[in-house]
PDB file of N, CA and C in Angstrom:
ATOM      1  N   MET A   1       0.823  -1.186   0.000  1.00  0.00           N
ATOM      2  CA  MET A   1       0.000   0.000   0.000  1.00  0.00           C
ATOM      3  C   MET A   1       0.871   1.254   0.000  1.00  0.00           C
ATOM      4  N   LYS A   2       1.979   1.227   0.798  1.00  0.00           N
ATOM      5  CA  LYS A   2       2.878   2.378   0.836  1.00  0.00           C
ATOM      6  C   LYS A   2       3.488   2.639  -0.540  1.00  0.00           C
ATOM      7  N   LYS A   3       3.862   1.566  -1.253  1.00  0.00           N
ATOM      8  CA  LYS A   3       4.451   1.726  -2.579  1.00  0.00           C
ATOM      9  C   LYS A   3       3.459   2.385  -3.538  1.00  0.00           C
ATOM     10  N   LEU A   4       2.224   1.981  -3.469  1.00  0.00           N
ATOM     11  CA  LEU A   4       1.202   2.564  -4.325  1.00  0.00           C
ATOM     12  C   LEU A   4       1.021   4.044  -4.014  1.00  0.00           C
ATOM     13  N   LEU A   5       1.033   4.373  -2.738  1.00  0.00           N
ATOM     14  CA  LEU A   5       0.899   5.768  -2.318  1.00  0.00           C
ATOM     15  C   LEU A   5       2.106   6.587  -2.773  1.00  0.00           C
ATOM     16  N   LEU A   6       3.310   6.026  -2.669  1.00  0.00           N
ATOM     17  CA  LEU A   6       4.515   6.721  -3.110  1.00  0.00           C
ATOM     18  C   LEU A   6       4.505   6.954  -4.624  1.00  0.00           C
ATOM     19  N   LEU A   7       3.931   6.047  -5.377  1.00  0.00           N
ATOM     20  CA  LEU A   7       3.823   6.230  -6.818  1.00  0.00           C
ATOM     21  C   LEU A   7       2.754   7.267  -7.184  1.00  0.00           C
ATOM     22  N   ALA A   8       1.725   7.359  -6.373  1.00  0.00           N
ATOM     23  CA  ALA A   8       0.620   8.270  -6.674  1.00  0.00           C
ATOM     24  C   ALA A   8       0.950   9.718  -6.324  1.00  0.00           C
ATOM     25  N   ILE A   9       1.811   9.952  -5.355  1.00  0.00           N
ATOM     26  CA  ILE A   9       2.129  11.323  -4.918  1.00  0.00           C
ATOM     27  C   ILE A   9       2.705  12.174  -6.049  1.00  0.00           C
ATOM     28  N   PRO A  10       3.707  11.710  -6.805  1.00  0.00           N
ATOM     29  CA  PRO A  10       4.207  12.555  -7.898  1.00  0.00           C
ATOM     30  C   PRO A  10       3.126  12.899  -8.931  1.00  0.00           C
ATOM     31  N   LEU A  11       2.236  11.934  -9.185  1.00  0.00           N
ATOM     32  CA  LEU A  11       1.154  12.214 -10.131  1.00  0.00           C
ATOM     33  C   LEU A  11       0.225  13.290  -9.599  1.00  0.00           C
ATOM     34  N   LEU A  12      -0.047  13.256  -8.312  1.00  0.00           N
ATOM     35  CA  LEU A  12      -0.916  14.270  -7.717  1.00  0.00           C
ATOM     36  C   LEU A  12      -0.238  15.631  -7.693  1.00  0.00           C
ATOM     37  N   LEU A  13       1.062  15.647  -7.412  1.00  0.00           N
ATOM     38  CA  LEU A  13       1.783  16.917  -7.325  1.00  0.00           C
ATOM     39  C   LEU A  13       2.034  17.539  -8.691  1.00  0.00           C
ATOM     40  N   PHE A  14       2.427  16.730  -9.654  1.00  0.00           N
ATOM     41  CA  PHE A  14       2.848  17.256 -10.946  1.00  0.00           C
ATOM     42  C   PHE A  14       1.844  17.013 -12.069  1.00  0.00           C
ATOM     43  N   GLY A  15       0.847  16.217 -11.807  1.00  0.00           N
ATOM     44  CA  GLY A  15      -0.162  15.950 -12.823  1.00  0.00           C
ATOM     45  C   GLY A  15       0.308  14.896 -13.802  1.00  0.00           C
ATOM     46  N   PHE A  16      -0.630  14.381 -14.560  1.00  0.00           N
ATOM     47  CA  PHE A  16      -0.331  13.369 -15.561  1.00  0.00           C
ATOM     48  C   PHE A  16      -0.424  14.015 -16.929  1.00  0.00           C
ATOM     49  N   THR A  17       0.606  13.873 -17.729  1.00  0.00           N
ATOM     50  CA  THR A  17       0.629  14.458 -19.069  1.00  0.00           C
ATOM     51  C   THR A  17       0.529  13.343 -20.089  1.00  0.00           C
ATOM     52  N   SER A  18      -0.526  13.369 -20.863  1.00  0.00           N
ATOM     53  CA  SER A  18      -0.694  12.346 -21.892  1.00  0.00           C
ATOM     54  C   SER A  18       0.119  12.728 -23.121  1.00  0.00           C
ATOM     55  N   PRO A  19       0.499  11.762 -23.942  1.00  0.00           N
ATOM     56  CA  PRO A  19       1.256  12.074 -25.161  1.00  0.00           C
ATOM     57  C   PRO A  19       0.508  13.026 -26.095  1.00  0.00           C
ATOM     58  N   SER A  20      -0.815  12.935 -26.151  1.00  0.00           N
ATOM     59  CA  SER A  20      -1.566  13.810 -27.057  1.00  0.00           C
ATOM     60  C   SER A  20      -1.509  15.261 -26.611  1.00  0.00           C
ATOM     61  N   SER A  21      -1.437  15.519 -25.297  1.00  0.00           N
ATOM     62  CA  SER A  21      -1.370  16.912 -24.854  1.00  0.00           C
ATOM     63  C   SER A  21      -0.012  17.529 -25.188  1.00  0.00           C
ATOM     64  N   ASN A  22       1.048  16.709 -25.233  1.00  0.00           N
ATOM     65  CA  ASN A  22       2.354  17.235 -25.627  1.00  0.00           C
ATOM     66  C   ASN A  22       2.340  17.697 -27.078  1.00  0.00           C
ATOM     67  N   SER A  23       1.734  16.923 -27.964  1.00  0.00           N
ATOM     68  CA  SER A  23       1.691  17.324 -29.364  1.00  0.00           C
ATOM     69  C   SER A  23       0.842  18.581 -29.537  1.00  0.00           C
ATOM     70  N   LYS A  24      -0.201  18.731 -28.730  1.00  0.00           N
ATOM     71  CA  LYS A  24      -1.021  19.945 -28.792  1.00  0.00           C
ATOM     72  C   LYS A  24      -0.220  21.153 -28.327  1.00  0.00           C
ATOM     73  N   LYS A  25       0.623  20.969 -27.311  1.00  0.00           N
ATOM     74  CA  LYS A  25       1.470  22.065 -26.832  1.00  0.00           C
ATOM     75  C   LYS A  25       2.477  22.470 -27.903  1.00  0.00           C
ATOM     76  N   GLU A  26       3.080  21.481 -28.572  1.00  0.00           N
ATOM     77  CA  GLU A  26       4.030  21.769 -29.648  1.00  0.00           C
ATOM     78  C   GLU A  26       3.335  22.491 -30.800  1.00  0.00           C
ATOM     79  N   GLU A  27       2.128  22.059 -31.132  1.00  0.00           N
ATOM     80  CA  GLU A  27       1.365  22.693 -32.209  1.00  0.00           C
ATOM     81  C   GLU A  27       1.034  24.143 -31.845  1.00  0.00           C
ATOM     82  N   ALA A  28       0.652  24.378 -30.594  1.00  0.00           N
ATOM     83  CA  ALA A  28       0.339  25.739 -30.149  1.00  0.00           C
ATOM     84  C   ALA A  28       1.581  26.619 -30.178  1.00  0.00           C
ATOM     85  N   ALA A  29       2.737  26.065 -29.792  1.00  0.00           N
ATOM     86  CA  ALA A  29       3.984  26.835 -29.822  1.00  0.00           C
ATOM     87  C   ALA A  29       4.363  27.188 -31.255  1.00  0.00           C
ATOM     88  N   THR A  30       4.186  26.256 -32.178  1.00  0.00           N
ATOM     89  CA  THR A  30       4.476  26.526 -33.591  1.00  0.00           C
ATOM     90  C   THR A  30       3.536  27.595 -34.127  1.00  0.00           C
ATOM     91  N   HIS A  31       2.258  27.498 -33.777  1.00  0.00           N
ATOM     92  CA  HIS A  31       1.276  28.491 -34.228  1.00  0.00           C
ATOM     93  C   HIS A  31       1.623  29.865 -33.673  1.00  0.00           C
ATOM     94  N   LYS A  32       2.010  29.912 -32.394  1.00  0.00           N
ATOM     95  CA  LYS A  32       2.381  31.188 -31.773  1.00  0.00           C
ATOM     96  C   LYS A  32       3.611  31.777 -32.458  1.00  0.00           C
ATOM     97  N   LYS A  33       4.585  30.929 -32.805  1.00  0.00           N
ATOM     98  CA  LYS A  33       5.798  31.378 -33.483  1.00  0.00           C
ATOM     99  C   LYS A  33       5.457  31.965 -34.849  1.00  0.00           C
ATOM    100  N   MET A  34       4.518  31.320 -35.563  1.00  0.00           N
ATOM    101  CA  MET A  34       4.129  31.832 -36.879  1.00  0.00           C
ATOM    102  C   MET A  34       3.420  33.168 -36.753  1.00  0.00           C
ATOM    103  N   LEU A  35       2.599  33.332 -35.695  1.00  0.00           N
ATOM    104  CA  LEU A  35       1.894  34.586 -35.515  1.00  0.00           C
ATOM    105  C   LEU A  35       2.834  35.703 -35.091  1.00  0.00           C
ATOM    106  N   ALA A  36       4.052  35.344 -34.671  1.00  0.00           N
ATOM    107  CA  ALA A  36       5.021  36.374 -34.288  1.00  0.00           C
ATOM    108  C   ALA A  36       5.490  37.160 -35.507  1.00  0.00           C
ATOM    109  N   ASN A  37       5.324  36.606 -36.672  1.00  0.00           N
ATOM    110  CA  ASN A  37       5.642  37.337 -37.897  1.00  0.00           C
ATOM    111  C   ASN A  37       4.546  38.361 -38.148  1.00  0.00           C
ATOM    112  N   SER A  38       4.936  39.534 -38.582  1.00  0.00           N
ATOM    113  CA  SER A  38       3.954  40.574 -38.870  1.00  0.00           C
ATOM    114  C   SER A  38       4.447  41.412 -40.039  1.00  0.00           C
ATOM    115  N   LEU A  39       3.584  42.281 -40.519  1.00  0.00           N
ATOM    116  CA  LEU A  39       3.945  43.187 -41.600  1.00  0.00           C
ATOM    117  C   LEU A  39       4.265  44.545 -41.014  1.00  0.00           C
ATOM    118  N   CYS A  40       5.305  45.171 -41.529  1.00  0.00           N
ATOM    119  CA  CYS A  40       5.624  46.527 -41.095  1.00  0.00           C
ATOM    120  C   CYS A  40       6.020  47.361 -42.310  1.00  0.00           C
ATOM    121  N   VAL A  41       5.885  48.653 -42.148  1.00  0.00           N
ATOM    122  CA  VAL A  41       6.125  49.589 -43.245  1.00  0.00           C
ATOM    123  C   VAL A  41       7.585  50.010 -43.248  1.00  0.00           C
ATOM    124  N   ALA A  42       8.250  49.846 -44.391  1.00  0.00           N
ATOM    125  CA  ALA A  42       9.638  50.283 -44.540  1.00  0.00           C
ATOM    126  C   ALA A  42       9.702  51.697 -45.100  1.00  0.00           C
ATOM    127  N   SER A  43       8.820  52.007 -46.053  1.00  0.00           N
ATOM    128  CA  SER A  43       8.760  53.353 -46.634  1.00  0.00           C
ATOM    129  C   SER A  43       7.461  53.494 -47.418  1.00  0.00           C
ATOM    130  N   CYS A  44       7.169  54.721 -47.834  1.00  0.00           N
ATOM    131  CA  CYS A  44       5.932  54.993 -48.578  1.00  0.00           C
ATOM    132  C   CYS A  44       6.189  55.990 -49.699  1.00  0.00           C
ATOM    133  N   THR A  45       5.408  55.859 -50.766  1.00  0.00           N
ATOM    134  CA  THR A  45       5.358  56.866 -51.828  1.00  0.00           C
ATOM    135  C   THR A  45       3.894  57.287 -51.935  1.00  0.00           C
ATOM    136  N   THR A  46       3.587  58.121 -52.889  1.00  0.00           N
ATOM    137  CA  THR A  46       2.195  58.541 -53.042  1.00  0.00           C
ATOM    138  C   THR A  46       1.304  57.406 -53.541  1.00  0.00           C
ATOM    139  N   THR A  47       1.889  56.400 -54.189  1.00  0.00           N
ATOM    140  CA  THR A  47       1.084  55.317 -54.759  1.00  0.00           C
ATOM    141  C   THR A  47       1.312  53.943 -54.127  1.00  0.00           C
ATOM    142  N   HIS A  48       2.446  53.748 -53.434  1.00  0.00           N
ATOM    143  CA  HIS A  48       2.788  52.433 -52.895  1.00  0.00           C
ATOM    144  C   HIS A  48       3.275  52.515 -51.450  1.00  0.00           C
ATOM    145  N   ILE A  49       3.122  51.379 -50.756  1.00  0.00           N
ATOM    146  CA  ILE A  49       3.680  51.200 -49.416  1.00  0.00           C
ATOM    147  C   ILE A  49       4.668  50.044 -49.514  1.00  0.00           C
ATOM    148  N   ARG A  50       5.912  50.275 -49.120  1.00  0.00           N
ATOM    149  CA  ARG A  50       6.934  49.217 -49.134  1.00  0.00           C
ATOM    150  C   ARG A  50       6.784  48.448 -47.826  1.00  0.00           C
ATOM    151  N   VAL A  51       6.266  47.228 -47.934  1.00  0.00           N
ATOM    152  CA  VAL A  51       5.931  46.411 -46.768  1.00  0.00           C
ATOM    153  C   VAL A  51       6.965  45.304 -46.612  1.00  0.00           C
ATOM    154  N   LYS A  52       7.321  45.040 -45.359  1.00  0.00           N
ATOM    155  CA  LYS A  52       8.355  44.059 -45.037  1.00  0.00           C
ATOM    156  C   LYS A  52       7.782  43.042 -44.048  1.00  0.00           C
ATOM    157  N   ILE A  53       8.183  41.777 -44.174  1.00  0.00           N
ATOM    158  CA  ILE A  53       7.805  40.760 -43.198  1.00  0.00           C
ATOM    159  C   ILE A  53       8.786  40.863 -42.039  1.00  0.00           C
ATOM    160  N   ALA A  54       8.271  41.166 -40.859  1.00  0.00           N
ATOM    161  CA  ALA A  54       9.107  41.256 -39.662  1.00  0.00           C
ATOM    162  C   ALA A  54       8.959  39.957 -38.878  1.00  0.00           C
ATOM    163  N   GLY A  55      10.026  39.559 -38.220  1.00  0.00           N
ATOM    164  CA  GLY A  55       9.989  38.356 -37.404  1.00  0.00           C
ATOM    165  C   GLY A  55      10.703  37.204 -38.072  1.00  0.00           C
ATOM    166  N   ASP A  56      11.313  36.373 -37.284  1.00  0.00           N
ATOM    167  CA  ASP A  56      12.017  35.190 -37.762  1.00  0.00           C
ATOM    168  C   ASP A  56      11.730  34.039 -36.824  1.00  0.00           C
ATOM    169  N   PRO A  57      11.886  32.850 -37.215  1.00  0.00           N
ATOM    170  CA  PRO A  57      12.129  32.392 -38.576  1.00  0.00           C
ATOM    171  C   PRO A  57      10.807  32.210 -39.313  1.00  0.00           C
ATOM    172  N   LEU A  58      10.874  32.214 -40.611  1.00  0.00           N
ATOM    173  CA  LEU A  58       9.706  31.906 -41.430  1.00  0.00           C
ATOM    174  C   LEU A  58       9.663  30.401 -41.662  1.00  0.00           C
ATOM    175  N   PRO A  59       8.476  29.845 -41.828  1.00  0.00           N
ATOM    176  CA  PRO A  59       8.410  28.430 -42.200  1.00  0.00           C
ATOM    177  C   PRO A  59       9.095  28.223 -43.557  1.00  0.00           C
ATOM    178  N   PRO A  60       9.563  27.014 -43.847  1.00  0.00           N
ATOM    179  CA  PRO A  60      10.218  26.780 -45.139  1.00  0.00           C
ATOM    180  C   PRO A  60       9.227  26.890 -46.295  1.00  0.00           C
ATOM    181  N   GLY A  61       9.710  27.363 -47.418  1.00  0.00           N
ATOM    182  CA  GLY A  61       8.882  27.440 -48.615  1.00  0.00           C
ATOM    183  C   GLY A  61       8.934  28.809 -49.257  1.00  0.00           C
ATOM    184  N   THR A  62       8.226  28.940 -50.358  1.00  0.00           N
ATOM    185  CA  THR A  62       8.183  30.187 -51.120  1.00  0.00           C
ATOM    186  C   THR A  62       7.237  31.174 -50.460  1.00  0.00           C
ATOM    187  N   ILE A  63       7.653  32.431 -50.382  1.00  0.00           N
ATOM    188  CA  ILE A  63       6.807  33.496 -49.843  1.00  0.00           C
ATOM    189  C   ILE A  63       5.848  33.943 -50.944  1.00  0.00           C
ATOM    190  N   ASN A  64       4.558  34.002 -50.613  1.00  0.00           N
ATOM    191  CA  ASN A  64       3.527  34.414 -51.571  1.00  0.00           C
ATOM    192  C   ASN A  64       2.782  35.626 -51.024  1.00  0.00           C
ATOM    193  N   TRP A  65       2.739  36.701 -51.794  1.00  0.00           N
ATOM    194  CA  TRP A  65       2.038  37.930 -51.414  1.00  0.00           C
ATOM    195  C   TRP A  65       0.694  37.974 -52.132  1.00  0.00           C
ATOM    196  N   TYR A  66      -0.368  38.224 -51.389  1.00  0.00           N
ATOM    197  CA  TYR A  66      -1.710  38.321 -51.956  1.00  0.00           C
ATOM    198  C   TYR A  66      -2.274  39.713 -51.706  1.00  0.00           C
ATOM    199  N   LEU A  67      -2.874  40.291 -52.731  1.00  0.00           N
ATOM    200  CA  LEU A  67      -3.588  41.559 -52.608  1.00  0.00           C
ATOM    201  C   LEU A  67      -5.063  41.272 -52.843  1.00  0.00           C
ATOM    202  N   ASP A  68      -5.869  41.551 -51.837  1.00  0.00           N
ATOM    203  CA  ASP A  68      -7.312  41.298 -51.921  1.00  0.00           C
ATOM    204  C   ASP A  68      -7.617  39.866 -52.357  1.00  0.00           C
ATOM    205  N   GLY A  69      -6.822  38.911 -51.849  1.00  0.00           N
ATOM    206  CA  GLY A  69      -7.048  37.499 -52.124  1.00  0.00           C
ATOM    207  C   GLY A  69      -6.478  36.971 -53.424  1.00  0.00           C
ATOM    208  N   VAL A  70      -5.820  37.813 -54.199  1.00  0.00           N
ATOM    209  CA  VAL A  70      -5.253  37.399 -55.490  1.00  0.00           C
ATOM    210  C   VAL A  70      -3.728  37.407 -55.396  1.00  0.00           C
ATOM    211  N   LEU A  71      -3.096  36.310 -55.833  1.00  0.00           N
ATOM    212  CA  LEU A  71      -1.633  36.223 -55.807  1.00  0.00           C
ATOM    213  C   LEU A  71      -1.035  37.358 -56.631  1.00  0.00           C
ATOM    214  N   ALA A  72      -0.163  38.155 -55.990  1.00  0.00           N
ATOM    215  CA  ALA A  72       0.415  39.322 -56.658  1.00  0.00           C
ATOM    216  C   ALA A  72       1.921  39.200 -56.866  1.00  0.00           C
ATOM    217  N   ALA A  73       2.618  38.459 -55.987  1.00  0.00           N
ATOM    218  CA  ALA A  73       4.076  38.329 -56.105  1.00  0.00           C
ATOM    219  C   ALA A  73       4.540  37.127 -55.290  1.00  0.00           C
ATOM    220  N   THR A  74       5.758  36.650 -55.595  1.00  0.00           N
ATOM    221  CA  THR A  74       6.358  35.552 -54.838  1.00  0.00           C
ATOM    222  C   THR A  74       7.831  35.839 -54.600  1.00  0.00           C
ATOM    223  N   GLY A  75       8.361  35.232 -53.527  1.00  0.00           N
ATOM    224  CA  GLY A  75       9.796  35.187 -53.360  1.00  0.00           C
ATOM    225  C   GLY A  75      10.477  36.082 -52.370  1.00  0.00           C
ATOM    226  N   SER A  76      10.050  37.293 -52.144  1.00  0.00           N
ATOM    227  CA  SER A  76      10.834  38.225 -51.338  1.00  0.00           C
ATOM    228  C   SER A  76      10.132  38.572 -50.030  1.00  0.00           C
ATOM    229  N   ARG A  77      10.929  38.976 -49.026  1.00  0.00           N
ATOM    230  CA  ARG A  77      10.358  39.434 -47.752  1.00  0.00           C
ATOM    231  C   ARG A  77       9.856  40.869 -47.838  1.00  0.00           C
ATOM    232  N   ILE A  78      10.163  41.566 -48.924  1.00  0.00           N
ATOM    233  CA  ILE A  78       9.745  42.961 -49.099  1.00  0.00           C
ATOM    234  C   ILE A  78       8.901  43.053 -50.366  1.00  0.00           C
ATOM    235  N   PHE A  79       7.810  43.829 -50.283  1.00  0.00           N
ATOM    236  CA  PHE A  79       6.910  43.952 -51.430  1.00  0.00           C
ATOM    237  C   PHE A  79       6.325  45.359 -51.469  1.00  0.00           C
ATOM    238  N   ASN A  80       6.253  45.934 -52.663  1.00  0.00           N
ATOM    239  CA  ASN A  80       5.632  47.249 -52.847  1.00  0.00           C
ATOM    240  C   ASN A  80       4.139  47.054 -53.072  1.00  0.00           C
ATOM    241  N   VAL A  81       3.357  47.428 -52.069  1.00  0.00           N
ATOM    242  CA  VAL A  81       1.908  47.241 -52.110  1.00  0.00           C
ATOM    243  C   VAL A  81       1.246  48.512 -52.631  1.00  0.00           C
ATOM    244  N   PRO A  82       0.436  48.415 -53.682  1.00  0.00           N
ATOM    245  CA  PRO A  82      -0.261  49.613 -54.154  1.00  0.00           C
ATOM    246  C   PRO A  82      -1.307  50.061 -53.131  1.00  0.00           C
ATOM    247  N   LYS A  83      -1.426  51.362 -52.953  1.00  0.00           N
ATOM    248  CA  LYS A  83      -2.375  51.896 -51.975  1.00  0.00           C
ATOM    249  C   LYS A  83      -3.825  51.678 -52.398  1.00  0.00           C
ATOM    250  N   THR A  84      -4.044  51.261 -53.634  1.00  0.00           N
ATOM    251  CA  THR A  84      -5.401  50.992 -54.107  1.00  0.00           C
ATOM    252  C   THR A  84      -5.942  49.657 -53.598  1.00  0.00           C
ATOM    253  N   ALA A  85      -5.075  48.786 -53.086  1.00  0.00           N
ATOM    254  CA  ALA A  85      -5.513  47.495 -52.545  1.00  0.00           C
ATOM    255  C   ALA A  85      -6.211  47.720 -51.200  1.00  0.00           C
ATOM    256  N   THR A  86      -6.932  46.711 -50.747  1.00  0.00           N
ATOM    257  CA  THR A  86      -7.632  46.801 -49.464  1.00  0.00           C
ATOM    258  C   THR A  86      -6.927  45.986 -48.383  1.00  0.00           C
ATOM    259  N   VAL A  87      -6.533  44.753 -48.734  1.00  0.00           N
ATOM    260  CA  VAL A  87      -5.920  43.834 -47.773  1.00  0.00           C
ATOM    261  C   VAL A  87      -4.700  43.186 -48.410  1.00  0.00           C
ATOM    262  N   VAL A  88      -3.632  43.065 -47.626  1.00  0.00           N
ATOM    263  CA  VAL A  88      -2.448  42.328 -48.065  1.00  0.00           C
ATOM    264  C   VAL A  88      -2.246  41.165 -47.092  1.00  0.00           C
ATOM    265  N   THR A  89      -2.019  39.971 -47.639  1.00  0.00           N
ATOM    266  CA  THR A  89      -1.721  38.802 -46.819  1.00  0.00           C
ATOM    267  C   THR A  89      -0.495  38.100 -47.385  1.00  0.00           C
ATOM    268  N   VAL A  90       0.185  37.354 -46.511  1.00  0.00           N
ATOM    269  CA  VAL A  90       1.401  36.642 -46.899  1.00  0.00           C
ATOM    270  C   VAL A  90       1.285  35.196 -46.439  1.00  0.00           C
ATOM    271  N   THR A  91       1.568  34.272 -47.361  1.00  0.00           N
ATOM    272  CA  THR A  91       1.636  32.861 -47.016  1.00  0.00           C
ATOM    273  C   THR A  91       3.022  32.343 -47.382  1.00  0.00           C
ATOM    274  N   VAL A  92       3.374  31.201 -46.787  1.00  0.00           N
ATOM    275  CA  VAL A  92       4.652  30.565 -47.108  1.00  0.00           C
ATOM    276  C   VAL A  92       4.391  29.101 -47.405  1.00  0.00           C
ATOM    277  N   GLY A  93       5.006  28.620 -48.472  1.00  0.00           N
ATOM    278  CA  GLY A  93       4.930  27.208 -48.825  1.00  0.00           C
ATOM    279  C   GLY A  93       3.681  26.844 -49.596  1.00  0.00           C
ATOM    280  N   SER A  94       3.546  25.552 -49.825  1.00  0.00           N
ATOM    281  CA  SER A  94       2.377  25.027 -50.511  1.00  0.00           C
ATOM    282  C   SER A  94       1.795  23.933 -49.627  1.00  0.00           C
ATOM    283  N   PRO A  95       0.566  24.000 -49.247  1.00  0.00           N
ATOM    284  CA  PRO A  95      -0.541  24.769 -49.769  1.00  0.00           C
ATOM    285  C   PRO A  95      -0.595  26.215 -49.293  1.00  0.00           C
ATOM    286  N   GLY A  96       0.275  26.643 -48.437  1.00  0.00           N
ATOM    287  CA  GLY A  96       0.298  28.042 -48.031  1.00  0.00           C
ATOM    288  C   GLY A  96      -0.104  28.230 -46.586  1.00  0.00           C
ATOM    289  N   VAL A  97       0.878  28.448 -45.732  1.00  0.00           N
ATOM    290  CA  VAL A  97       0.634  28.721 -44.326  1.00  0.00           C
ATOM    291  C   VAL A  97       0.555  30.232 -44.165  1.00  0.00           C
ATOM    292  N   LEU A  98      -0.580  30.730 -43.687  1.00  0.00           N
ATOM    293  CA  LEU A  98      -0.746  32.166 -43.483  1.00  0.00           C
ATOM    294  C   LEU A  98       0.179  32.619 -42.367  1.00  0.00           C
ATOM    295  N   ILE A  99       1.050  33.597 -42.644  1.00  0.00           N
ATOM    296  CA  ILE A  99       1.964  34.071 -41.606  1.00  0.00           C
ATOM    297  C   ILE A  99       1.694  35.506 -41.196  1.00  0.00           C
ATOM    298  N   ALA A 100       1.060  36.294 -42.060  1.00  0.00           N
ATOM    299  CA  ALA A 100       0.791  37.688 -41.702  1.00  0.00           C
ATOM    300  C   ALA A 100      -0.240  38.268 -42.654  1.00  0.00           C
ATOM    301  N   GLY A 101      -0.860  39.334 -42.203  1.00  0.00           N
ATOM    302  CA  GLY A 101      -1.812  40.039 -43.046  1.00  0.00           C
ATOM    303  C   GLY A 101      -2.217  41.339 -42.378  1.00  0.00           C
ATOM    304  N   ASP A 102      -2.659  42.303 -43.172  1.00  0.00           N
ATOM    305  CA  ASP A 102      -3.074  43.584 -42.611  1.00  0.00           C
ATOM    306  C   ASP A 102      -3.916  44.351 -43.618  1.00  0.00           C
ATOM    307  N   ASN A 103      -4.663  45.323 -43.111  1.00  0.00           N
ATOM    308  CA  ASN A 103      -5.423  46.235 -43.965  1.00  0.00           C
ATOM    309  C   ASN A 103      -4.487  47.314 -44.481  1.00  0.00           C
ATOM    310  N   ILE A 104      -4.698  47.739 -45.710  1.00  0.00           N
ATOM    311  CA  ILE A 104      -3.866  48.789 -46.293  1.00  0.00           C
ATOM    312  C   ILE A 104      -4.034  50.091 -45.504  1.00  0.00           C
ATOM    313  N   SER A 105      -5.237  50.358 -45.008  1.00  0.00           N
ATOM    314  CA  SER A 105      -5.455  51.587 -44.236  1.00  0.00           C
ATOM    315  C   SER A 105      -4.607  51.608 -42.966  1.00  0.00           C
ATOM    316  N   THR A 106      -4.444  50.459 -42.321  1.00  0.00           N
ATOM    317  CA  THR A 106      -3.596  50.368 -41.123  1.00  0.00           C
ATOM    318  C   THR A 106      -2.133  50.603 -41.484  1.00  0.00           C
ATOM    319  N   LEU A 107      -1.685  49.995 -42.575  1.00  0.00           N
ATOM    320  CA  LEU A 107      -0.300  50.184 -43.014  1.00  0.00           C
ATOM    321  C   LEU A 107      -0.063  51.623 -43.462  1.00  0.00           C
ATOM    322  N   ASN A 108      -1.035  52.210 -44.134  1.00  0.00           N
ATOM    323  CA  ASN A 108      -0.911  53.585 -44.613  1.00  0.00           C
ATOM    324  C   ASN A 108      -0.765  54.564 -43.444  1.00  0.00           C
ATOM    325  N   ALA A 109      -1.402  54.251 -42.325  1.00  0.00           N
ATOM    326  CA  ALA A 109      -1.293  55.107 -41.137  1.00  0.00           C
ATOM    327  C   ALA A 109       0.130  55.112 -40.575  1.00  0.00           C
ATOM    328  N   GLN A 110       0.900  54.056 -40.859  1.00  0.00           N
ATOM    329  CA  GLN A 110       2.285  53.965 -40.374  1.00  0.00           C
ATOM    330  C   GLN A 110       3.259  54.731 -41.264  1.00  0.00           C
ATOM    331  N   CYS A 111       2.786  55.265 -42.380  1.00  0.00           N
ATOM    332  CA  CYS A 111       3.669  55.960 -43.318  1.00  0.00           C
ATOM    333  C   CYS A 111       4.297  57.214 -42.711  1.00  0.00           C
ATOM    334  N   ALA A 112       3.629  57.837 -41.762  1.00  0.00           N
ATOM    335  CA  ALA A 112       4.163  59.055 -41.146  1.00  0.00           C
ATOM    336  C   ALA A 112       5.475  58.772 -40.415  1.00  0.00           C
ATOM    337  N   ALA A 113       5.569  57.626 -39.780  1.00  0.00           N
ATOM    338  CA  ALA A 113       6.787  57.235 -39.060  1.00  0.00           C
ATOM    339  C   ALA A 113       6.987  55.733 -39.253  1.00  0.00           C
ATOM    340  N   PRO A 114       7.552  55.315 -40.385  1.00  0.00           N
ATOM    341  CA  PRO A 114       7.714  53.881 -40.655  1.00  0.00           C
ATOM    342  C   PRO A 114       8.496  53.168 -39.554  1.00  0.00           C
ATOM    343  N   PRO A 115       7.917  52.082 -38.992  1.00  0.00           N
ATOM    344  CA  PRO A 115       8.568  51.372 -37.892  1.00  0.00           C
ATOM    345  C   PRO A 115       9.717  50.464 -38.312  1.00  0.00           C
ATOM    346  N   CYS A 116       9.795  50.103 -39.585  1.00  0.00           N
ATOM    347  CA  CYS A 116      10.857  49.203 -40.051  1.00  0.00           C
ATOM    348  C   CYS A 116      11.952  49.983 -40.756  1.00  0.00           C
ATOM    349  N   PRO A 117      13.203  49.583 -40.546  1.00  0.00           N
ATOM    350  CA  PRO A 117      14.300  50.235 -41.282  1.00  0.00           C
ATOM    351  C   PRO A 117      14.322  49.810 -42.738  1.00  0.00           C
TER     352      PRO A 117
END
């Protein structure tokens, strides 16, 4: 009986972790890491906003820039977004993991003092 009690105490103190909860924790950490990437303004002109992907590391794969849901460019961490667009989103890889996105109006507001070098 004492042996059973001694085995049960660590479980009561530290809890029991199932293998499935560990994979969920890893998945949540990966998701949080991906959300750490964001878009920031490097510079602006009267017609375009130079947008940069901030944050590292990016998931492996090709960077895809979408304007209003339509593929507009691939390959680079920096993209000149026309101010006529409404929404810019960025995915990486195939089928495409969403890593960042923003409204053009929000990015345009950052033009006064661009946060990215």
